[in-house]
């Protein structure tokens, strides 16, 4: 068996001092059961899960102006099976997974290996190097945008913005209602304190409010008041 340490290290941008940790991170228990002397990745996966969770949590907290509920939802989506397995495969690292006869490298194994790799890197090179790999493989990928697109709540963003800036209460005021009863169009204004920030339309008041909040977020972003969201 030839395990290509250098190819993996070139891909992740980090060279291991303890090569055995890298080998272990890619070794499934089915392989270690068939080959004496090989440790499987399960303990590293256990550690890597927590390290990964911390890195992603800190990144989201520092870079996105959303409330605790939205942060929790985005994080849970981002550190789940599909994003992690997709990130590992996109980097071409799934080809190095060692598994026993009859064991396919499915998405769950790819997820486990991703976490094990982060755990191994943390042990070998510390948090900064683990963070670098997470940033390169996961947080710079389309998976981050997917997680946000499924959970983005513009009303929460505005609430957090107004609270941090101490601008006053956020409220929504009905401006008008048009159209037939079976297909109405509501127009809602978003107010922060006494200032009207934006308006939005929708088939329900709730949808109109969300659109008003969305318009406000993009307006504030264009003015440089909200950097990321």
C-alpha atoms as a PDB file:
ATOM      1  CA  UNK A   1       0.000   0.000   0.000  1.00  0.00           C
ATOM      2  CA  UNK A   2       1.225   3.469  -0.952  1.00  0.00           C
ATOM      3  CA  UNK A   3      -0.288   6.414   0.904  1.00  0.00           C
ATOM      4  CA  UNK A   4       0.498   9.729  -0.775  1.00  0.00           C
ATOM      5  CA  UNK A   5       1.249  12.027   2.151  1.00  0.00           C
ATOM      6  CA  UNK A   6       2.712  14.773  -0.037  1.00  0.00           C
ATOM      7  CA  UNK A   7      -0.288  14.984  -2.349  1.00  0.00           C
ATOM      8  CA  UNK A   8      -2.612  15.447   0.615  1.00  0.00           C
ATOM      9  CA  UNK A   9      -0.326  17.991   2.271  1.00  0.00           C
ATOM     10  CA  UNK A  10      -0.009  19.938  -0.981  1.00  0.00           C
ATOM     11  CA  UNK A  11      -3.783  20.023  -1.277  1.00  0.00           C
ATOM     12  CA  UNK A  12      -4.475  21.211   2.267  1.00  0.00           C
ATOM     13  CA  UNK A  13      -1.465  23.538   2.434  1.00  0.00           C
ATOM     14  CA  UNK A  14      -0.049  22.021   5.600  1.00  0.00           C
ATOM     15  CA  UNK A  15       2.829  19.558   6.152  1.00  0.00           C
ATOM     16  CA  UNK A  16       2.449  17.205   9.105  1.00  0.00           C
ATOM     17  CA  UNK A  17       5.284  16.680  11.560  1.00  0.00           C
ATOM     18  CA  UNK A  18       3.678  13.429  12.681  1.00  0.00           C
ATOM     19  CA  UNK A  19       2.769  11.628   9.454  1.00  0.00           C
ATOM     20  CA  UNK A  20       1.037   8.878  11.436  1.00  0.00           C
ATOM     21  CA  UNK A  21      -1.680  11.348  12.426  1.00  0.00           C
ATOM     22  CA  UNK A  22      -2.364  12.119   8.781  1.00  0.00           C
ATOM     23  CA  UNK A  23      -2.491   8.428   7.911  1.00  0.00           C
ATOM     24  CA  UNK A  24      -4.848   7.733  10.793  1.00  0.00           C
ATOM     25  CA  UNK A  25      -7.189  10.541   9.696  1.00  0.00           C
ATOM     26  CA  UNK A  26      -7.789   8.739   6.398  1.00  0.00           C
ATOM     27  CA  UNK A  27      -8.081   5.203   7.771  1.00  0.00           C
ATOM     28  CA  UNK A  28     -11.571   3.725   8.119  1.00  0.00           C
ATOM     29  CA  UNK A  29     -12.097   1.031  10.737  1.00  0.00           C
ATOM     30  CA  UNK A  30     -12.799  -1.550   8.027  1.00  0.00           C
ATOM     31  CA  UNK A  31      -9.227  -1.074   6.805  1.00  0.00           C
ATOM     32  CA  UNK A  32      -7.680  -1.128  10.269  1.00  0.00           C
ATOM     33  CA  UNK A  33      -9.583  -4.345  11.015  1.00  0.00           C
ATOM     34  CA  UNK A  34      -7.964  -5.967   7.983  1.00  0.00           C
ATOM     35  CA  UNK A  35      -4.459  -4.541   8.491  1.00  0.00           C
ATOM     36  CA  UNK A  36      -2.712  -4.820  11.836  1.00  0.00           C
ATOM     37  CA  UNK A  37      -0.900  -1.716  13.018  1.00  0.00           C
ATOM     38  CA  UNK A  38      -3.275   0.793  11.422  1.00  0.00           C
ATOM     39  CA  UNK A  39      -5.343   3.014  13.703  1.00  0.00           C
ATOM     40  CA  UNK A  40      -8.775   4.120  12.474  1.00  0.00           C
ATOM     41  CA  UNK A  41      -9.872   7.744  12.459  1.00  0.00           C
ATOM     42  CA  UNK A  42     -12.707   7.517  15.002  1.00  0.00           C
ATOM     43  CA  UNK A  43     -10.893   9.184  17.922  1.00  0.00           C
ATOM     44  CA  UNK A  44      -9.615  11.952  15.646  1.00  0.00           C
ATOM     45  CA  UNK A  45     -13.117  12.393  14.282  1.00  0.00           C
ATOM     46  CA  UNK A  46     -14.424  12.857  17.832  1.00  0.00           C
ATOM     47  CA  UNK A  47     -11.887  15.629  18.457  1.00  0.00           C
ATOM     48  CA  UNK A  48     -12.232  17.160  15.004  1.00  0.00           C
ATOM     49  CA  UNK A  49     -15.994  17.499  15.347  1.00  0.00           C
ATOM     50  CA  UNK A  50     -15.548  19.856  18.309  1.00  0.00           C
ATOM     51  CA  UNK A  51     -12.640  21.775  16.769  1.00  0.00           C
ATOM     52  CA  UNK A  52     -14.557  22.227  13.524  1.00  0.00           C
ATOM     53  CA  UNK A  53     -17.633  23.379  15.414  1.00  0.00           C
ATOM     54  CA  UNK A  54     -15.629  26.009  17.274  1.00  0.00           C
ATOM     55  CA  UNK A  55     -13.917  27.304  14.116  1.00  0.00           C
ATOM     56  CA  UNK A  56     -17.180  27.607  12.205  1.00  0.00           C
ATOM     57  CA  UNK A  57     -18.954  29.195  15.180  1.00  0.00           C
ATOM     58  CA  UNK A  58     -16.255  31.824  15.635  1.00  0.00           C
ATOM     59  CA  UNK A  59     -16.162  32.574  11.899  1.00  0.00           C
ATOM     60  CA  UNK A  60     -19.930  33.077  11.684  1.00  0.00           C
ATOM     61  CA  UNK A  61     -20.024  35.206  14.852  1.00  0.00           C
ATOM     62  CA  UNK A  62     -17.278  37.524  13.621  1.00  0.00           C
ATOM     63  CA  UNK A  63     -18.426  37.882  10.028  1.00  0.00           C
ATOM     64  CA  UNK A  64     -22.224  37.775   9.940  1.00  0.00           C
ATOM     65  CA  UNK A  65     -24.705  40.154  11.529  1.00  0.00           C
ATOM     66  CA  UNK A  66     -27.435  37.647  12.366  1.00  0.00           C
ATOM     67  CA  UNK A  67     -29.044  36.610  15.628  1.00  0.00           C
ATOM     68  CA  UNK A  68     -28.296  33.555  17.731  1.00  0.00           C
ATOM     69  CA  UNK A  69     -31.042  31.428  16.218  1.00  0.00           C
ATOM     70  CA  UNK A  70     -29.887  32.050  12.659  1.00  0.00           C
ATOM     71  CA  UNK A  71     -26.251  31.476  13.641  1.00  0.00           C
ATOM     72  CA  UNK A  72     -27.179  28.111  15.141  1.00  0.00           C
ATOM     73  CA  UNK A  73     -29.138  27.083  12.056  1.00  0.00           C
ATOM     74  CA  UNK A  74     -26.415  28.051   9.593  1.00  0.00           C
ATOM     75  CA  UNK A  75     -23.746  26.327  11.657  1.00  0.00           C
ATOM     76  CA  UNK A  76     -25.740  23.099  11.933  1.00  0.00           C
ATOM     77  CA  UNK A  77     -26.287  23.023   8.165  1.00  0.00           C
ATOM     78  CA  UNK A  78     -22.662  23.810   7.396  1.00  0.00           C
ATOM     79  CA  UNK A  79     -21.110  21.095   9.583  1.00  0.00           C
ATOM     80  CA  UNK A  80     -23.480  18.370   8.384  1.00  0.00           C
ATOM     81  CA  UNK A  81     -22.848  15.415   6.081  1.00  0.00           C
ATOM     82  CA  UNK A  82     -23.442  16.926   2.651  1.00  0.00           C
ATOM     83  CA  UNK A  83     -21.306  20.096   2.963  1.00  0.00           C
ATOM     84  CA  UNK A  84     -18.389  18.259   4.595  1.00  0.00           C
ATOM     85  CA  UNK A  85     -18.416  15.309   2.198  1.00  0.00           C
ATOM     86  CA  UNK A  86     -18.797  17.677  -0.756  1.00  0.00           C
ATOM     87  CA  UNK A  87     -15.859  19.791   0.427  1.00  0.00           C
ATOM     88  CA  UNK A  88     -13.631  16.722   0.846  1.00  0.00           C
ATOM     89  CA  UNK A  89     -14.553  15.413  -2.595  1.00  0.00           C
ATOM     90  CA  UNK A  90     -14.174  18.819  -4.259  1.00  0.00           C
ATOM     91  CA  UNK A  91     -10.590  18.955  -2.965  1.00  0.00           C
ATOM     92  CA  UNK A  92      -9.949  15.481  -4.349  1.00  0.00           C
ATOM     93  CA  UNK A  93      -9.121  14.121  -0.911  1.00  0.00           C
ATOM     94  CA  UNK A  94     -11.681  11.319  -0.966  1.00  0.00           C
ATOM     95  CA  UNK A  95      -9.378   9.293  -3.238  1.00  0.00           C
ATOM     96  CA  UNK A  96      -6.942   8.813  -0.348  1.00  0.00           C
ATOM     97  CA  UNK A  97      -9.426   7.268   2.091  1.00  0.00           C
ATOM     98  CA  UNK A  98      -8.340   3.774   3.155  1.00  0.00           C
ATOM     99  CA  UNK A  99     -11.268   1.368   3.532  1.00  0.00           C
ATOM    100  CA  UNK A 100     -11.584  -2.386   3.681  1.00  0.00           C
ATOM    101  CA  UNK A 101     -12.858  -4.750   1.044  1.00  0.00           C
ATOM    102  CA  UNK A 102     -16.528  -4.180   0.276  1.00  0.00           C
ATOM    103  CA  UNK A 103     -16.665  -0.826   2.044  1.00  0.00           C
ATOM    104  CA  UNK A 104     -17.630   2.092  -0.174  1.00  0.00           C
ATOM    105  CA  UNK A 105     -16.389   5.576   0.619  1.00  0.00           C
ATOM    106  CA  UNK A 106     -19.864   7.040   1.051  1.00  0.00           C
ATOM    107  CA  UNK A 107     -20.801  10.569   2.126  1.00  0.00           C
ATOM    108  CA  UNK A 108     -20.830   9.653   5.830  1.00  0.00           C
ATOM    109  CA  UNK A 109     -17.260   8.342   5.621  1.00  0.00           C
ATOM    110  CA  UNK A 110     -16.172  11.478   3.735  1.00  0.00           C
ATOM    111  CA  UNK A 111     -17.742  13.606   6.476  1.00  0.00           C
ATOM    112  CA  UNK A 112     -15.939  11.591   9.143  1.00  0.00           C
ATOM    113  CA  UNK A 113     -12.601  11.923   7.336  1.00  0.00           C
ATOM    114  CA  UNK A 114     -13.039  15.686   7.036  1.00  0.00           C
ATOM    115  CA  UNK A 115     -13.572  15.930  10.791  1.00  0.00           C
ATOM    116  CA  UNK A 116     -10.704  13.538  11.492  1.00  0.00           C
ATOM    117  CA  UNK A 117      -8.389  15.607   9.305  1.00  0.00           C
ATOM    118  CA  UNK A 118      -9.263  18.729  11.297  1.00  0.00           C
ATOM    119  CA  UNK A 119      -8.656  16.852  14.550  1.00  0.00           C
ATOM    120  CA  UNK A 120      -5.300  15.541  13.313  1.00  0.00           C
ATOM    121  CA  UNK A 121      -4.230  18.991  12.132  1.00  0.00           C
ATOM    122  CA  UNK A 122      -5.204  20.518  15.480  1.00  0.00           C
ATOM    123  CA  UNK A 123      -3.062  17.981  17.331  1.00  0.00           C
ATOM    124  CA  UNK A 124      -0.115  18.355  14.984  1.00  0.00           C
ATOM    125  CA  UNK A 125      -0.151  22.058  14.196  1.00  0.00           C
ATOM    126  CA  UNK A 126      -2.559  23.819  16.522  1.00  0.00           C
ATOM    127  CA  UNK A 127      -5.760  25.758  16.053  1.00  0.00           C
ATOM    128  CA  UNK A 128      -4.448  28.236  13.465  1.00  0.00           C
ATOM    129  CA  UNK A 129      -3.520  25.515  10.989  1.00  0.00           C
ATOM    130  CA  UNK A 130      -6.797  23.696  11.564  1.00  0.00           C
ATOM    131  CA  UNK A 131      -8.604  26.986  10.981  1.00  0.00           C
ATOM    132  CA  UNK A 132      -6.660  27.544   7.756  1.00  0.00           C
ATOM    133  CA  UNK A 133      -7.781  24.188   6.368  1.00  0.00           C
ATOM    134  CA  UNK A 134     -11.415  24.772   7.331  1.00  0.00           C
ATOM    135  CA  UNK A 135     -11.304  28.191   5.677  1.00  0.00           C
ATOM    136  CA  UNK A 136      -9.760  26.818   2.487  1.00  0.00           C
ATOM    137  CA  UNK A 137     -11.854  23.680   2.117  1.00  0.00           C
ATOM    138  CA  UNK A 138     -15.224  24.655   3.577  1.00  0.00           C
ATOM    139  CA  UNK A 139     -15.720  28.334   4.336  1.00  0.00           C
ATOM    140  CA  UNK A 140     -14.530  29.501   0.920  1.00  0.00           C
ATOM    141  CA  UNK A 141     -16.761  26.986  -0.884  1.00  0.00           C
ATOM    142  CA  UNK A 142     -20.274  27.316  -2.280  1.00  0.00           C
ATOM    143  CA  UNK A 143     -21.508  25.295   0.695  1.00  0.00           C
ATOM    144  CA  UNK A 144     -21.384  28.414   2.877  1.00  0.00           C
ATOM    145  CA  UNK A 145     -23.654  30.316   0.491  1.00  0.00           C
ATOM    146  CA  UNK A 146     -26.013  27.348   0.308  1.00  0.00           C
ATOM    147  CA  UNK A 147     -26.308  27.219   4.090  1.00  0.00           C
ATOM    148  CA  UNK A 148     -27.163  30.913   4.194  1.00  0.00           C
ATOM    149  CA  UNK A 149     -29.573  30.843   1.261  1.00  0.00           C
ATOM    150  CA  UNK A 150     -31.651  28.246   3.095  1.00  0.00           C
ATOM    151  CA  UNK A 151     -31.748  30.127   6.389  1.00  0.00           C
ATOM    152  CA  UNK A 152     -31.323  33.845   5.745  1.00  0.00           C
ATOM    153  CA  UNK A 153     -33.769  35.893   7.806  1.00  0.00           C
ATOM    154  CA  UNK A 154     -33.504  39.559   6.885  1.00  0.00           C
ATOM    155  CA  UNK A 155     -35.783  40.640   9.725  1.00  0.00           C
ATOM    156  CA  UNK A 156     -33.362  39.126  12.225  1.00  0.00           C
ATOM    157  CA  UNK A 157     -30.456  40.923  10.549  1.00  0.00           C
ATOM    158  CA  UNK A 158     -32.242  44.262  10.899  1.00  0.00           C
ATOM    159  CA  UNK A 159     -33.140  43.543  14.522  1.00  0.00           C
ATOM    160  CA  UNK A 160     -29.518  42.812  15.412  1.00  0.00           C
ATOM    161  CA  UNK A 161     -28.313  45.873  13.454  1.00  0.00           C
ATOM    162  CA  UNK A 162     -30.743  48.223  15.224  1.00  0.00           C
ATOM    163  CA  UNK A 163     -29.918  46.758  18.630  1.00  0.00           C
ATOM    164  CA  UNK A 164     -26.140  47.028  18.166  1.00  0.00           C
ATOM    165  CA  UNK A 165     -26.398  50.586  16.868  1.00  0.00           C
ATOM    166  CA  UNK A 166     -28.978  51.518  19.529  1.00  0.00           C
ATOM    167  CA  UNK A 167     -31.222  53.071  16.915  1.00  0.00           C
ATOM    168  CA  UNK A 168     -34.550  52.344  18.553  1.00  0.00           C
ATOM    169  CA  UNK A 169     -37.324  49.817  18.073  1.00  0.00           C
ATOM    170  CA  UNK A 170     -37.918  48.086  14.748  1.00  0.00           C
ATOM    171  CA  UNK A 171     -41.529  48.015  13.572  1.00  0.00           C
ATOM    172  CA  UNK A 172     -43.482  47.420  10.380  1.00  0.00           C
ATOM    173  CA  UNK A 173     -46.359  49.648   9.310  1.00  0.00           C
ATOM    174  CA  UNK A 174     -48.912  48.825   6.636  1.00  0.00           C
ATOM    175  CA  UNK A 175     -48.738  51.430   3.875  1.00  0.00           C
ATOM    176  CA  UNK A 176     -51.354  50.025   1.540  1.00  0.00           C
ATOM    177  CA  UNK A 177     -53.269  46.988   0.380  1.00  0.00           C
ATOM    178  CA  UNK A 178     -54.279  46.499  -3.234  1.00  0.00           C
ATOM    179  CA  UNK A 179     -55.640  43.807  -5.527  1.00  0.00           C
ATOM    180  CA  UNK A 180     -58.623  41.493  -5.125  1.00  0.00           C
ATOM    181  CA  UNK A 181     -59.387  39.721  -1.867  1.00  0.00           C
ATOM    182  CA  UNK A 182     -58.238  36.368  -3.241  1.00  0.00           C
ATOM    183  CA  UNK A 183     -54.903  37.776  -4.428  1.00  0.00           C
ATOM    184  CA  UNK A 184     -53.968  40.820  -2.299  1.00  0.00           C
ATOM    185  CA  UNK A 185     -50.728  42.782  -2.399  1.00  0.00           C
ATOM    186  CA  UNK A 186     -49.555  44.304   0.857  1.00  0.00           C
ATOM    187  CA  UNK A 187     -47.030  47.127   1.106  1.00  0.00           C
ATOM    188  CA  UNK A 188     -45.248  47.384   4.441  1.00  0.00           C
ATOM    189  CA  UNK A 189     -42.816  50.054   5.628  1.00  0.00           C
ATOM    190  CA  UNK A 190     -39.892  49.193   7.887  1.00  0.00           C
ATOM    191  CA  UNK A 191     -39.393  51.771  10.608  1.00  0.00           C
ATOM    192  CA  UNK A 192     -36.430  52.051  12.968  1.00  0.00           C
ATOM    193  CA  UNK A 193     -37.321  54.546  15.639  1.00  0.00           C
ATOM    194  CA  UNK A 194     -39.063  57.345  13.777  1.00  0.00           C
ATOM    195  CA  UNK A 195     -37.217  56.781  10.486  1.00  0.00           C
ATOM    196  CA  UNK A 196     -38.682  54.919   7.520  1.00  0.00           C
ATOM    197  CA  UNK A 197     -35.860  52.777   6.157  1.00  0.00           C
ATOM    198  CA  UNK A 198     -37.531  50.849   3.339  1.00  0.00           C
ATOM    199  CA  UNK A 199     -40.740  49.360   1.980  1.00  0.00           C
ATOM    200  CA  UNK A 200     -41.597  45.909   0.674  1.00  0.00           C
ATOM    201  CA  UNK A 201     -44.473  44.147  -1.035  1.00  0.00           C
ATOM    202  CA  UNK A 202     -45.883  40.658  -0.654  1.00  0.00           C
ATOM    203  CA  UNK A 203     -48.988  38.507  -0.849  1.00  0.00           C
ATOM    204  CA  UNK A 204     -49.144  38.515   2.970  1.00  0.00           C
ATOM    205  CA  UNK A 205     -48.078  41.049   5.553  1.00  0.00           C
ATOM    206  CA  UNK A 206     -45.347  38.668   6.722  1.00  0.00           C
ATOM    207  CA  UNK A 207     -43.876  38.343   3.225  1.00  0.00           C
ATOM    208  CA  UNK A 208     -44.066  42.101   2.722  1.00  0.00           C
ATOM    209  CA  UNK A 209     -42.249  42.650   6.000  1.00  0.00           C
ATOM    210  CA  UNK A 210     -39.518  40.196   5.029  1.00  0.00           C
ATOM    211  CA  UNK A 211     -39.088  41.945   1.664  1.00  0.00           C
ATOM    212  CA  UNK A 212     -38.956  45.333   3.379  1.00  0.00           C
ATOM    213  CA  UNK A 213     -36.248  43.980   5.669  1.00  0.00           C
ATOM    214  CA  UNK A 214     -34.364  42.513   2.691  1.00  0.00           C
ATOM    215  CA  UNK A 215     -34.467  45.866   0.897  1.00  0.00           C
ATOM    216  CA  UNK A 216     -33.229  47.574   4.063  1.00  0.00           C
ATOM    217  CA  UNK A 217     -30.319  45.148   4.424  1.00  0.00           C
ATOM    218  CA  UNK A 218     -29.128  45.760   0.869  1.00  0.00           C
ATOM    219  CA  UNK A 219     -29.578  49.503   1.283  1.00  0.00           C
ATOM    220  CA  UNK A 220     -27.530  49.524   4.483  1.00  0.00           C
ATOM    221  CA  UNK A 221     -24.913  47.292   2.876  1.00  0.00           C
ATOM    222  CA  UNK A 222     -24.555  49.693  -0.080  1.00  0.00           C
ATOM    223  CA  UNK A 223     -24.042  52.511   2.430  1.00  0.00           C
ATOM    224  CA  UNK A 224     -21.344  50.546   4.214  1.00  0.00           C
ATOM    225  CA  UNK A 225     -23.310  50.236   7.449  1.00  0.00           C
ATOM    226  CA  UNK A 226     -23.592  46.476   7.154  1.00  0.00           C
ATOM    227  CA  UNK A 227     -20.429  44.824   5.847  1.00  0.00           C
ATOM    228  CA  UNK A 228     -21.435  41.145   5.796  1.00  0.00           C
ATOM    229  CA  UNK A 229     -24.678  39.342   6.368  1.00  0.00           C
END
